[in-house]
PDB file of N, CA and C in Angstrom:
ATOM      1  N   UNK A   1      89.868  35.607-127.705  1.00  0.00           N
ATOM      2  CA  UNK A   1      89.574  36.599-128.557  1.00  0.00           C
ATOM      3  C   UNK A   1      89.272  36.146-130.022  1.00  0.00           C
ATOM      4  N   UNK A   2      87.816  36.634-130.538  1.00  0.00           N
ATOM      5  CA  UNK A   2      87.306  36.268-131.862  1.00  0.00           C
ATOM      6  C   UNK A   2      88.233  36.563-132.898  1.00  0.00           C
ATOM      7  N   UNK A   3      88.736  35.534-133.752  1.00  0.00           N
ATOM      8  CA  UNK A   3      89.428  36.035-135.224  1.00  0.00           C
ATOM      9  C   UNK A   3      88.536  36.808-136.021  1.00  0.00           C
ATOM     10  N   UNK A   4      89.034  37.923-136.524  1.00  0.00           N
ATOM     11  CA  UNK A   4      88.420  38.751-137.335  1.00  0.00           C
ATOM     12  C   UNK A   4      89.070  38.879-138.739  1.00  0.00           C
ATOM     13  N   UNK A   5      90.179  38.019-139.043  1.00  0.00           N
ATOM     14  CA  UNK A   5      90.819  38.332-140.270  1.00  0.00           C
ATOM     15  C   UNK A   5      90.202  37.415-141.145  1.00  0.00           C
ATOM     16  N   UNK A   6      90.256  37.893-142.601  1.00  0.00           N
ATOM     17  CA  UNK A   6      89.662  36.926-143.731  1.00  0.00           C
ATOM     18  C   UNK A   6      90.612  35.787-143.701  1.00  0.00           C
ATOM     19  N   UNK A   7      91.900  35.858-143.488  1.00  0.00           N
ATOM     20  CA  UNK A   7      92.815  34.937-144.130  1.00  0.00           C
ATOM     21  C   UNK A   7      93.691  34.677-142.716  1.00  0.00           C
ATOM     22  N   UNK A   8      92.822  33.613-141.872  1.00  0.00           N
ATOM     23  CA  UNK A   8      93.550  33.049-140.514  1.00  0.00           C
ATOM     24  C   UNK A   8      95.146  32.864-140.701  1.00  0.00           C
ATOM     25  N   UNK A   9      95.605  33.052-139.691  1.00  0.00           N
ATOM     26  CA  UNK A   9      97.055  33.087-139.357  1.00  0.00           C
ATOM     27  C   UNK A   9      97.429  31.322-138.997  1.00  0.00           C
ATOM     28  N   UNK A  10      98.549  30.949-139.498  1.00  0.00           N
ATOM     29  CA  UNK A  10      98.938  29.606-138.843  1.00  0.00           C
ATOM     30  C   UNK A  10     100.506  29.735-138.334  1.00  0.00           C
ATOM     31  N   UNK A  11     100.885  29.177-137.485  1.00  0.00           N
ATOM     32  CA  UNK A  11     102.123  29.146-136.892  1.00  0.00           C
ATOM     33  C   UNK A  11     103.420  28.856-137.745  1.00  0.00           C
ATOM     34  N   UNK A  12     104.321  29.540-137.917  1.00  0.00           N
ATOM     35  CA  UNK A  12     105.402  29.314-138.820  1.00  0.00           C
ATOM     36  C   UNK A  12     106.726  29.623-138.049  1.00  0.00           C
ATOM     37  N   UNK A  13     107.689  28.406-138.136  1.00  0.00           N
ATOM     38  CA  UNK A  13     108.988  28.526-137.425  1.00  0.00           C
ATOM     39  C   UNK A  13     109.895  29.147-138.668  1.00  0.00           C
ATOM     40  N   UNK A  14     110.666  29.837-138.298  1.00  0.00           N
ATOM     41  CA  UNK A  14     111.747  30.537-139.274  1.00  0.00           C
ATOM     42  C   UNK A  14     112.255  31.768-138.813  1.00  0.00           C
ATOM     43  N   UNK A  15     113.132  32.509-139.689  1.00  0.00           N
ATOM     44  CA  UNK A  15     113.740  33.804-139.477  1.00  0.00           C
ATOM     45  C   UNK A  15     112.984  34.722-140.453  1.00  0.00           C
ATOM     46  N   UNK A  16     113.055  35.984-139.985  1.00  0.00           N
ATOM     47  CA  UNK A  16     112.641  37.040-141.032  1.00  0.00           C
ATOM     48  C   UNK A  16     113.687  38.285-140.898  1.00  0.00           C
ATOM     49  N   UNK A  17     114.103  38.686-142.067  1.00  0.00           N
ATOM     50  CA  UNK A  17     115.240  39.539-142.304  1.00  0.00           C
ATOM     51  C   UNK A  17     114.199  40.756-142.669  1.00  0.00           C
ATOM     52  N   UNK A  18     114.328  41.977-141.779  1.00  0.00           N
ATOM     53  CA  UNK A  18     113.509  43.286-142.009  1.00  0.00           C
ATOM     54  C   UNK A  18     114.271  44.401-142.435  1.00  0.00           C
ATOM     55  N   UNK A  19     114.026  44.970-143.192  1.00  0.00           N
ATOM     56  CA  UNK A  19     114.775  46.168-143.612  1.00  0.00           C
ATOM     57  C   UNK A  19     113.752  47.377-143.751  1.00  0.00           C
ATOM     58  N   UNK A  20     113.708  48.221-142.789  1.00  0.00           N
ATOM     59  CA  UNK A  20     112.468  49.352-142.425  1.00  0.00           C
ATOM     60  C   UNK A  20     112.975  50.337-142.000  1.00  0.00           C
ATOM     61  N   UNK A  21     112.844  51.526-142.511  1.00  0.00           N
ATOM     62  CA  UNK A  21     113.371  52.792-141.709  1.00  0.00           C
ATOM     63  C   UNK A  21     114.679  52.926-141.523  1.00  0.00           C
ATOM     64  N   UNK A  22     115.532  52.521-142.423  1.00  0.00           N
ATOM     65  CA  UNK A  22     116.886  52.493-142.115  1.00  0.00           C
ATOM     66  C   UNK A  22     117.529  51.345-141.429  1.00  0.00           C
ATOM     67  N   UNK A  23     116.742  50.612-140.703  1.00  0.00           N
ATOM     68  CA  UNK A  23     116.919  49.593-139.560  1.00  0.00           C
ATOM     69  C   UNK A  23     117.126  48.048-140.496  1.00  0.00           C
ATOM     70  N   UNK A  24     117.934  47.369-139.960  1.00  0.00           N
ATOM     71  CA  UNK A  24     118.094  46.023-140.607  1.00  0.00           C
ATOM     72  C   UNK A  24     117.885  45.072-139.396  1.00  0.00           C
ATOM     73  N   UNK A  25     116.772  44.514-139.223  1.00  0.00           N
ATOM     74  CA  UNK A  25     116.600  43.405-138.246  1.00  0.00           C
ATOM     75  C   UNK A  25     116.504  41.893-138.577  1.00  0.00           C
ATOM     76  N   UNK A  26     116.834  41.215-137.658  1.00  0.00           N
ATOM     77  CA  UNK A  26     116.872  39.615-137.758  1.00  0.00           C
ATOM     78  C   UNK A  26     115.700  39.295-136.661  1.00  0.00           C
ATOM     79  N   UNK A  27     114.628  38.665-137.082  1.00  0.00           N
ATOM     80  CA  UNK A  27     113.558  38.521-136.089  1.00  0.00           C
ATOM     81  C   UNK A  27     113.090  37.048-136.407  1.00  0.00           C
ATOM     82  N   UNK A  28     112.472  36.401-135.339  1.00  0.00           N
ATOM     83  CA  UNK A  28     111.857  35.263-135.167  1.00  0.00           C
ATOM     84  C   UNK A  28     110.460  35.404-135.871  1.00  0.00           C
ATOM     85  N   UNK A  29     110.170  34.408-136.586  1.00  0.00           N
ATOM     86  CA  UNK A  29     108.604  34.363-137.178  1.00  0.00           C
ATOM     87  C   UNK A  29     107.808  33.953-136.029  1.00  0.00           C
ATOM     88  N   UNK A  30     106.537  34.618-136.100  1.00  0.00           N
ATOM     89  CA  UNK A  30     105.306  33.736-135.089  1.00  0.00           C
ATOM     90  C   UNK A  30     104.250  33.091-136.253  1.00  0.00           C
ATOM     91  N   UNK A  31     103.819  33.847-136.796  1.00  0.00           N
ATOM     92  CA  UNK A  31     102.598  33.379-137.612  1.00  0.00           C
ATOM     93  C   UNK A  31     102.868  33.987-138.947  1.00  0.00           C
ATOM     94  N   UNK A  32     102.071  33.256-139.911  1.00  0.00           N
ATOM     95  CA  UNK A  32     101.699  33.750-141.425  1.00  0.00           C
ATOM     96  C   UNK A  32     100.434  33.577-141.842  1.00  0.00           C
ATOM     97  N   UNK A  33     100.113  34.371-142.978  1.00  0.00           N
ATOM     98  CA  UNK A  33      98.879  34.050-143.490  1.00  0.00           C
ATOM     99  C   UNK A  33      98.979  34.840-145.179  1.00  0.00           C
ATOM    100  N   UNK A  34      98.115  34.725-145.917  1.00  0.00           N
ATOM    101  CA  UNK A  34      98.413  35.187-147.384  1.00  0.00           C
ATOM    102  C   UNK A  34      98.435  36.787-147.446  1.00  0.00           C
ATOM    103  N   UNK A  35      97.933  37.304-146.404  1.00  0.00           N
ATOM    104  CA  UNK A  35      97.939  38.862-146.186  1.00  0.00           C
ATOM    105  C   UNK A  35      99.177  39.329-145.533  1.00  0.00           C
ATOM    106  N   UNK A  36      99.812  38.642-144.596  1.00  0.00           N
ATOM    107  CA  UNK A  36     101.031  38.998-143.885  1.00  0.00           C
ATOM    108  C   UNK A  36     101.702  37.926-143.119  1.00  0.00           C
ATOM    109  N   UNK A  37     102.618  38.681-142.345  1.00  0.00           N
ATOM    110  CA  UNK A  37     103.417  37.696-141.505  1.00  0.00           C
ATOM    111  C   UNK A  37     103.622  38.413-140.047  1.00  0.00           C
ATOM    112  N   UNK A  38     103.631  37.782-138.782  1.00  0.00           N
ATOM    113  CA  UNK A  38     103.942  38.208-137.613  1.00  0.00           C
ATOM    114  C   UNK A  38     105.235  37.870-137.288  1.00  0.00           C
ATOM    115  N   UNK A  39     105.843  38.677-136.616  1.00  0.00           N
ATOM    116  CA  UNK A  39     107.399  38.533-135.888  1.00  0.00           C
ATOM    117  C   UNK A  39     107.259  38.920-134.695  1.00  0.00           C
ATOM    118  N   UNK A  40     108.181  38.655-133.660  1.00  0.00           N
ATOM    119  CA  UNK A  40     108.287  38.841-132.388  1.00  0.00           C
ATOM    120  C   UNK A  40     109.324  39.766-132.182  1.00  0.00           C
ATOM    121  N   UNK A  41     109.386  40.603-131.448  1.00  0.00           N
ATOM    122  CA  UNK A  41     110.473  41.716-130.939  1.00  0.00           C
ATOM    123  C   UNK A  41     110.520  41.761-129.503  1.00  0.00           C
ATOM    124  N   UNK A  42     111.695  41.944-128.869  1.00  0.00           N
ATOM    125  CA  UNK A  42     111.819  41.984-127.506  1.00  0.00           C
ATOM    126  C   UNK A  42     111.464  43.271-126.782  1.00  0.00           C
ATOM    127  N   UNK A  43     111.715  44.433-127.568  1.00  0.00           N
ATOM    128  CA  UNK A  43     111.351  45.770-127.212  1.00  0.00           C
ATOM    129  C   UNK A  43     110.733  46.485-128.187  1.00  0.00           C
ATOM    130  N   UNK A  44     110.394  47.833-127.967  1.00  0.00           N
ATOM    131  CA  UNK A  44     109.623  48.658-128.694  1.00  0.00           C
ATOM    132  C   UNK A  44     110.652  49.369-129.934  1.00  0.00           C
ATOM    133  N   UNK A  45     111.287  48.494-130.463  1.00  0.00           N
ATOM    134  CA  UNK A  45     112.354  48.703-131.494  1.00  0.00           C
ATOM    135  C   UNK A  45     111.847  49.630-132.667  1.00  0.00           C
ATOM    136  N   UNK A  46     110.678  49.071-132.856  1.00  0.00           N
ATOM    137  CA  UNK A  46     109.991  49.743-134.122  1.00  0.00           C
ATOM    138  C   UNK A  46     109.206  51.071-133.683  1.00  0.00           C
ATOM    139  N   UNK A  47     109.245  51.546-132.521  1.00  0.00           N
ATOM    140  CA  UNK A  47     108.267  52.460-132.066  1.00  0.00           C
ATOM    141  C   UNK A  47     106.764  51.937-131.589  1.00  0.00           C
ATOM    142  N   UNK A  48     106.039  52.765-131.041  1.00  0.00           N
ATOM    143  CA  UNK A  48     104.726  52.203-130.310  1.00  0.00           C
ATOM    144  C   UNK A  48     103.560  52.135-131.423  1.00  0.00           C
ATOM    145  N   UNK A  49     103.575  53.019-132.434  1.00  0.00           N
ATOM    146  CA  UNK A  49     102.516  52.894-133.452  1.00  0.00           C
ATOM    147  C   UNK A  49     103.030  52.754-134.758  1.00  0.00           C
ATOM    148  N   UNK A  50     101.992  52.020-135.645  1.00  0.00           N
ATOM    149  CA  UNK A  50     102.712  51.750-137.162  1.00  0.00           C
ATOM    150  C   UNK A  50     102.877  52.950-137.770  1.00  0.00           C
ATOM    151  N   UNK A  51     103.858  53.233-138.417  1.00  0.00           N
ATOM    152  CA  UNK A  51     104.298  54.640-139.375  1.00  0.00           C
ATOM    153  C   UNK A  51     103.682  54.466-140.751  1.00  0.00           C
ATOM    154  N   UNK A  52     103.457  53.270-141.100  1.00  0.00           N
ATOM    155  CA  UNK A  52     102.708  53.202-142.771  1.00  0.00           C
ATOM    156  C   UNK A  52     103.851  53.058-143.526  1.00  0.00           C
ATOM    157  N   UNK A  53     105.077  53.076-143.143  1.00  0.00           N
ATOM    158  CA  UNK A  53     106.228  53.021-143.982  1.00  0.00           C
ATOM    159  C   UNK A  53     106.442  51.808-144.514  1.00  0.00           C
ATOM    160  N   UNK A  54     107.002  51.628-145.808  1.00  0.00           N
ATOM    161  CA  UNK A  54     107.040  50.275-146.521  1.00  0.00           C
ATOM    162  C   UNK A  54     108.467  49.801-146.268  1.00  0.00           C
ATOM    163  N   UNK A  55     108.911  48.732-146.175  1.00  0.00           N
ATOM    164  CA  UNK A  55     110.116  47.899-146.123  1.00  0.00           C
ATOM    165  C   UNK A  55     110.011  46.471-146.857  1.00  0.00           C
ATOM    166  N   UNK A  56     111.224  46.069-146.914  1.00  0.00           N
ATOM    167  CA  UNK A  56     111.461  44.670-147.580  1.00  0.00           C
ATOM    168  C   UNK A  56     111.747  43.587-146.329  1.00  0.00           C
ATOM    169  N   UNK A  57     110.978  42.377-146.355  1.00  0.00           N
ATOM    170  CA  UNK A  57     111.213  41.246-145.678  1.00  0.00           C
ATOM    171  C   UNK A  57     111.402  40.202-146.407  1.00  0.00           C
ATOM    172  N   UNK A  58     112.521  39.345-145.972  1.00  0.00           N
ATOM    173  CA  UNK A  58     112.804  37.923-146.524  1.00  0.00           C
ATOM    174  C   UNK A  58     112.499  37.011-145.339  1.00  0.00           C
ATOM    175  N   UNK A  59     111.805  36.051-145.847  1.00  0.00           N
ATOM    176  CA  UNK A  59     111.451  34.916-144.955  1.00  0.00           C
ATOM    177  C   UNK A  59     111.933  33.840-145.209  1.00  0.00           C
ATOM    178  N   UNK A  60     112.841  33.038-144.225  1.00  0.00           N
ATOM    179  CA  UNK A  60     113.697  31.712-144.412  1.00  0.00           C
ATOM    180  C   UNK A  60     112.926  31.031-143.373  1.00  0.00           C
ATOM    181  N   UNK A  61     112.089  29.916-144.044  1.00  0.00           N
ATOM    182  CA  UNK A  61     111.735  28.916-143.189  1.00  0.00           C
ATOM    183  C   UNK A  61     111.482  27.661-144.033  1.00  0.00           C
ATOM    184  N   UNK A  62     112.054  26.478-143.265  1.00  0.00           N
ATOM    185  CA  UNK A  62     112.102  25.102-144.033  1.00  0.00           C
ATOM    186  C   UNK A  62     110.839  24.492-144.371  1.00  0.00           C
ATOM    187  N   UNK A  63     109.515  25.214-143.473  1.00  0.00           N
ATOM    188  CA  UNK A  63     108.257  24.971-143.533  1.00  0.00           C
ATOM    189  C   UNK A  63     107.560  25.347-144.848  1.00  0.00           C
ATOM    190  N   UNK A  64     108.106  26.520-145.431  1.00  0.00           N
ATOM    191  CA  UNK A  64     107.643  27.139-146.753  1.00  0.00           C
ATOM    192  C   UNK A  64     108.227  26.394-148.181  1.00  0.00           C
ATOM    193  N   UNK A  65     108.941  25.832-148.011  1.00  0.00           N
ATOM    194  CA  UNK A  65     109.681  25.086-149.248  1.00  0.00           C
ATOM    195  C   UNK A  65     110.493  26.135-150.143  1.00  0.00           C
ATOM    196  N   UNK A  66     110.920  27.385-149.741  1.00  0.00           N
ATOM    197  CA  UNK A  66     111.420  28.377-150.533  1.00  0.00           C
ATOM    198  C   UNK A  66     111.466  29.537-149.958  1.00  0.00           C
ATOM    199  N   UNK A  67     112.364  30.683-150.171  1.00  0.00           N
ATOM    200  CA  UNK A  67     112.729  31.797-149.475  1.00  0.00           C
ATOM    201  C   UNK A  67     111.357  32.807-150.167  1.00  0.00           C
ATOM    202  N   UNK A  68     110.700  33.708-149.135  1.00  0.00           N
ATOM    203  CA  UNK A  68     109.844  34.319-149.704  1.00  0.00           C
ATOM    204  C   UNK A  68     110.186  35.990-149.337  1.00  0.00           C
ATOM    205  N   UNK A  69     110.124  36.703-150.411  1.00  0.00           N
ATOM    206  CA  UNK A  69     110.825  38.117-150.109  1.00  0.00           C
ATOM    207  C   UNK A  69     109.452  39.046-150.487  1.00  0.00           C
ATOM    208  N   UNK A  70     108.997  39.901-149.693  1.00  0.00           N
ATOM    209  CA  UNK A  70     107.944  40.678-149.964  1.00  0.00           C
ATOM    210  C   UNK A  70     108.097  42.208-149.500  1.00  0.00           C
ATOM    211  N   UNK A  71     107.529  42.910-150.073  1.00  0.00           N
ATOM    212  CA  UNK A  71     107.381  44.554-149.443  1.00  0.00           C
ATOM    213  C   UNK A  71     106.210  44.556-148.366  1.00  0.00           C
ATOM    214  N   UNK A  72     106.590  45.212-147.271  1.00  0.00           N
ATOM    215  CA  UNK A  72     105.672  44.911-146.313  1.00  0.00           C
ATOM    216  C   UNK A  72     105.616  46.228-145.446  1.00  0.00           C
ATOM    217  N   UNK A  73     104.426  46.614-144.914  1.00  0.00           N
ATOM    218  CA  UNK A  73     104.426  47.587-143.782  1.00  0.00           C
ATOM    219  C   UNK A  73     103.762  47.017-142.632  1.00  0.00           C
ATOM    220  N   UNK A  74     103.882  47.935-141.541  1.00  0.00           N
ATOM    221  CA  UNK A  74     103.277  47.333-140.048  1.00  0.00           C
ATOM    222  C   UNK A  74     102.058  47.746-140.012  1.00  0.00           C
ATOM    223  N   UNK A  75     101.396  46.653-139.935  1.00  0.00           N
ATOM    224  CA  UNK A  75     100.044  46.815-139.771  1.00  0.00           C
ATOM    225  C   UNK A  75      99.715  47.053-138.194  1.00  0.00           C
ATOM    226  N   UNK A  76     100.095  46.431-137.206  1.00  0.00           N
ATOM    227  CA  UNK A  76      99.875  46.520-135.864  1.00  0.00           C
ATOM    228  C   UNK A  76     100.969  46.125-134.911  1.00  0.00           C
ATOM    229  N   UNK A  77     101.003  46.490-133.775  1.00  0.00           N
ATOM    230  CA  UNK A  77     101.902  46.021-132.899  1.00  0.00           C
ATOM    231  C   UNK A  77     101.251  45.849-131.717  1.00  0.00           C
ATOM    232  N   UNK A  78     101.384  44.615-131.043  1.00  0.00           N
ATOM    233  CA  UNK A  78     100.702  44.261-129.871  1.00  0.00           C
ATOM    234  C   UNK A  78     101.502  43.646-128.710  1.00  0.00           C
ATOM    235  N   UNK A  79     101.244  44.045-127.577  1.00  0.00           N
ATOM    236  CA  UNK A  79     102.249  43.586-126.661  1.00  0.00           C
ATOM    237  C   UNK A  79     101.820  42.050-126.378  1.00  0.00           C
ATOM    238  N   UNK A  80     102.620  41.173-126.153  1.00  0.00           N
ATOM    239  CA  UNK A  80     102.610  39.859-125.645  1.00  0.00           C
ATOM    240  C   UNK A  80     103.445  39.380-124.683  1.00  0.00           C
ATOM    241  N   UNK A  81     102.866  39.655-123.198  1.00  0.00           N
ATOM    242  CA  UNK A  81     103.937  39.477-122.074  1.00  0.00           C
ATOM    243  C   UNK A  81     104.872  40.548-122.245  1.00  0.00           C
ATOM    244  N   UNK A  82     106.333  40.217-122.319  1.00  0.00           N
ATOM    245  CA  UNK A  82     107.421  41.283-122.213  1.00  0.00           C
ATOM    246  C   UNK A  82     107.946  41.335-123.700  1.00  0.00           C
ATOM    247  N   UNK A  83     107.102  40.712-124.595  1.00  0.00           N
ATOM    248  CA  UNK A  83     107.494  41.115-126.121  1.00  0.00           C
ATOM    249  C   UNK A  83     106.331  41.745-126.860  1.00  0.00           C
ATOM    250  N   UNK A  84     106.776  42.065-127.936  1.00  0.00           N
ATOM    251  CA  UNK A  84     106.016  42.656-128.979  1.00  0.00           C
ATOM    252  C   UNK A  84     105.491  41.725-130.209  1.00  0.00           C
ATOM    253  N   UNK A  85     104.226  41.548-130.620  1.00  0.00           N
ATOM    254  CA  UNK A  85     103.954  40.788-131.667  1.00  0.00           C
ATOM    255  C   UNK A  85     103.724  41.953-132.743  1.00  0.00           C
ATOM    256  N   UNK A  86     104.377  41.822-133.843  1.00  0.00           N
ATOM    257  CA  UNK A  86     104.561  43.028-134.900  1.00  0.00           C
ATOM    258  C   UNK A  86     103.706  42.233-136.085  1.00  0.00           C
ATOM    259  N   UNK A  87     102.771  42.654-136.674  1.00  0.00           N
ATOM    260  CA  UNK A  87     101.952  42.350-137.956  1.00  0.00           C
ATOM    261  C   UNK A  87     102.335  42.911-139.125  1.00  0.00           C
ATOM    262  N   UNK A  88     103.084  42.450-139.936  1.00  0.00           N
ATOM    263  CA  UNK A  88     103.414  43.068-141.231  1.00  0.00           C
ATOM    264  C   UNK A  88     102.560  42.924-142.193  1.00  0.00           C
ATOM    265  N   UNK A  89     102.022  43.553-142.946  1.00  0.00           N
ATOM    266  CA  UNK A  89     101.140  43.423-144.012  1.00  0.00           C
ATOM    267  C   UNK A  89     101.936  43.135-145.755  1.00  0.00           C
ATOM    268  N   UNK A  90     101.783  42.320-146.130  1.00  0.00           N
ATOM    269  CA  UNK A  90     102.255  42.172-147.586  1.00  0.00           C
ATOM    270  C   UNK A  90     101.661  43.302-148.397  1.00  0.00           C
ATOM    271  N   UNK A  91     102.476  44.218-148.969  1.00  0.00           N
ATOM    272  CA  UNK A  91     102.016  45.209-149.768  1.00  0.00           C
ATOM    273  C   UNK A  91     102.404  44.880-151.096  1.00  0.00           C
ATOM    274  N   UNK A  92     103.384  44.028-151.285  1.00  0.00           N
ATOM    275  CA  UNK A  92     103.685  43.382-152.647  1.00  0.00           C
ATOM    276  C   UNK A  92     104.428  42.165-152.619  1.00  0.00           C
ATOM    277  N   UNK A  93     103.744  41.177-153.381  1.00  0.00           N
ATOM    278  CA  UNK A  93     104.655  39.673-152.966  1.00  0.00           C
ATOM    279  C   UNK A  93     104.256  38.820-154.244  1.00  0.00           C
ATOM    280  N   UNK A  94     105.269  38.272-154.874  1.00  0.00           N
ATOM    281  CA  UNK A  94     104.820  37.583-156.156  1.00  0.00           C
ATOM    282  C   UNK A  94     103.819  36.379-156.168  1.00  0.00           C
ATOM    283  N   UNK A  95     103.239  36.296-157.147  1.00  0.00           N
ATOM    284  CA  UNK A  95     102.280  35.058-157.189  1.00  0.00           C
ATOM    285  C   UNK A  95     102.826  33.662-156.687  1.00  0.00           C
ATOM    286  N   UNK A  96     104.113  33.550-157.256  1.00  0.00           N
ATOM    287  CA  UNK A  96     104.668  32.238-156.901  1.00  0.00           C
ATOM    288  C   UNK A  96     105.036  32.099-155.234  1.00  0.00           C
ATOM    289  N   UNK A  97     105.454  33.103-154.881  1.00  0.00           N
ATOM    290  CA  UNK A  97     105.852  33.272-153.229  1.00  0.00           C
ATOM    291  C   UNK A  97     104.492  33.031-152.531  1.00  0.00           C
ATOM    292  N   UNK A  98     103.386  33.838-153.111  1.00  0.00           N
ATOM    293  CA  UNK A  98     102.272  33.544-152.488  1.00  0.00           C
ATOM    294  C   UNK A  98     101.784  32.342-152.527  1.00  0.00           C
ATOM    295  N   UNK A  99     101.906  31.449-153.452  1.00  0.00           N
ATOM    296  CA  UNK A  99     101.596  30.070-153.418  1.00  0.00           C
ATOM    297  C   UNK A  99     102.351  29.282-152.359  1.00  0.00           C
ATOM    298  N   UNK A 100     103.338  29.547-152.316  1.00  0.00           N
ATOM    299  CA  UNK A 100     104.351  28.719-151.443  1.00  0.00           C
ATOM    300  C   UNK A 100     103.433  28.860-149.944  1.00  0.00           C
ATOM    301  N   UNK A 101     102.989  30.141-149.675  1.00  0.00           N
ATOM    302  CA  UNK A 101     102.239  30.338-148.223  1.00  0.00           C
ATOM    303  C   UNK A 101     100.904  29.436-148.380  1.00  0.00           C
ATOM    304  N   UNK A 102     100.253  29.520-149.458  1.00  0.00           N
ATOM    305  CA  UNK A 102      99.126  29.044-149.597  1.00  0.00           C
ATOM    306  C   UNK A 102      99.054  27.687-149.277  1.00  0.00           C
ATOM    307  N   UNK A 103     100.206  26.979-150.009  1.00  0.00           N
ATOM    308  CA  UNK A 103     100.296  25.372-149.802  1.00  0.00           C
ATOM    309  C   UNK A 103     100.715  25.169-148.551  1.00  0.00           C
ATOM    310  N   UNK A 104     101.746  25.977-147.660  1.00  0.00           N
ATOM    311  CA  UNK A 104     101.824  25.696-146.322  1.00  0.00           C
ATOM    312  C   UNK A 104     100.711  25.534-145.602  1.00  0.00           C
ATOM    313  N   UNK A 105      99.667  26.578-145.928  1.00  0.00           N
ATOM    314  CA  UNK A 105      98.679  26.796-144.845  1.00  0.00           C
ATOM    315  C   UNK A 105      97.717  25.614-145.187  1.00  0.00           C
ATOM    316  N   UNK A 106      97.649  24.929-146.337  1.00  0.00           N
ATOM    317  CA  UNK A 106      96.844  23.709-146.804  1.00  0.00           C
ATOM    318  C   UNK A 106      97.352  22.374-145.989  1.00  0.00           C
ATOM    319  N   UNK A 107      98.573  22.341-145.841  1.00  0.00           N
ATOM    320  CA  UNK A 107      99.212  21.461-145.012  1.00  0.00           C
ATOM    321  C   UNK A 107      98.749  21.583-143.744  1.00  0.00           C
ATOM    322  N   UNK A 108      98.779  22.387-143.267  1.00  0.00           N
ATOM    323  CA  UNK A 108      98.546  22.852-141.527  1.00  0.00           C
ATOM    324  C   UNK A 108      97.111  22.784-141.335  1.00  0.00           C
ATOM    325  N   UNK A 109      96.092  22.831-142.541  1.00  0.00           N
ATOM    326  CA  UNK A 109      94.859  22.310-142.449  1.00  0.00           C
ATOM    327  C   UNK A 109      94.668  20.850-142.223  1.00  0.00           C
ATOM    328  N   UNK A 110      95.642  20.182-142.961  1.00  0.00           N
ATOM    329  CA  UNK A 110      95.354  18.896-143.046  1.00  0.00           C
ATOM    330  C   UNK A 110      95.743  17.971-142.015  1.00  0.00           C
ATOM    331  N   UNK A 111      97.028  18.689-141.372  1.00  0.00           N
ATOM    332  CA  UNK A 111      97.331  17.999-139.913  1.00  0.00           C
ATOM    333  C   UNK A 111      97.320  19.373-139.014  1.00  0.00           C
ATOM    334  N   UNK A 112      96.269  19.374-138.229  1.00  0.00           N
ATOM    335  CA  UNK A 112      95.932  20.370-137.327  1.00  0.00           C
ATOM    336  C   UNK A 112      96.975  20.688-136.216  1.00  0.00           C
ATOM    337  N   UNK A 113      97.757  19.701-135.884  1.00  0.00           N
ATOM    338  CA  UNK A 113      98.470  19.596-134.773  1.00  0.00           C
ATOM    339  C   UNK A 113      99.856  20.475-135.252  1.00  0.00           C
ATOM    340  N   UNK A 114     100.025  20.541-136.563  1.00  0.00           N
ATOM    341  CA  UNK A 114     101.290  21.334-136.932  1.00  0.00           C
ATOM    342  C   UNK A 114     101.042  22.805-137.065  1.00  0.00           C
ATOM    343  N   UNK A 115      99.838  23.178-136.872  1.00  0.00           N
ATOM    344  CA  UNK A 115      99.508  24.567-136.958  1.00  0.00           C
ATOM    345  C   UNK A 115      99.270  25.389-135.499  1.00  0.00           C
TER     346      UNK A 115
END
């Protein structure tokens, strides 16, 4: 499938704490870009369609060199085998936290085996 995103995603190891719609979930990170983060869920916990509701996510990953906390909304939900890949769009994120993501993406480009 051809990538249509302006900001390509890179693989990310880590955990995401998501508070959205009264739910508090701990999810594994899948990928990240400057526009958002992808997380994996085992079932349709968040429903079948994005609701547009804004929540808070905290990203903990040793790859980023610091914790990232941002307001997010669900952009898309896509089935990947038995799991779902949920794309969370950053609605509000600090410049410093955005720079952590940019720096990680630069490192991934310099060492393509890591992405």
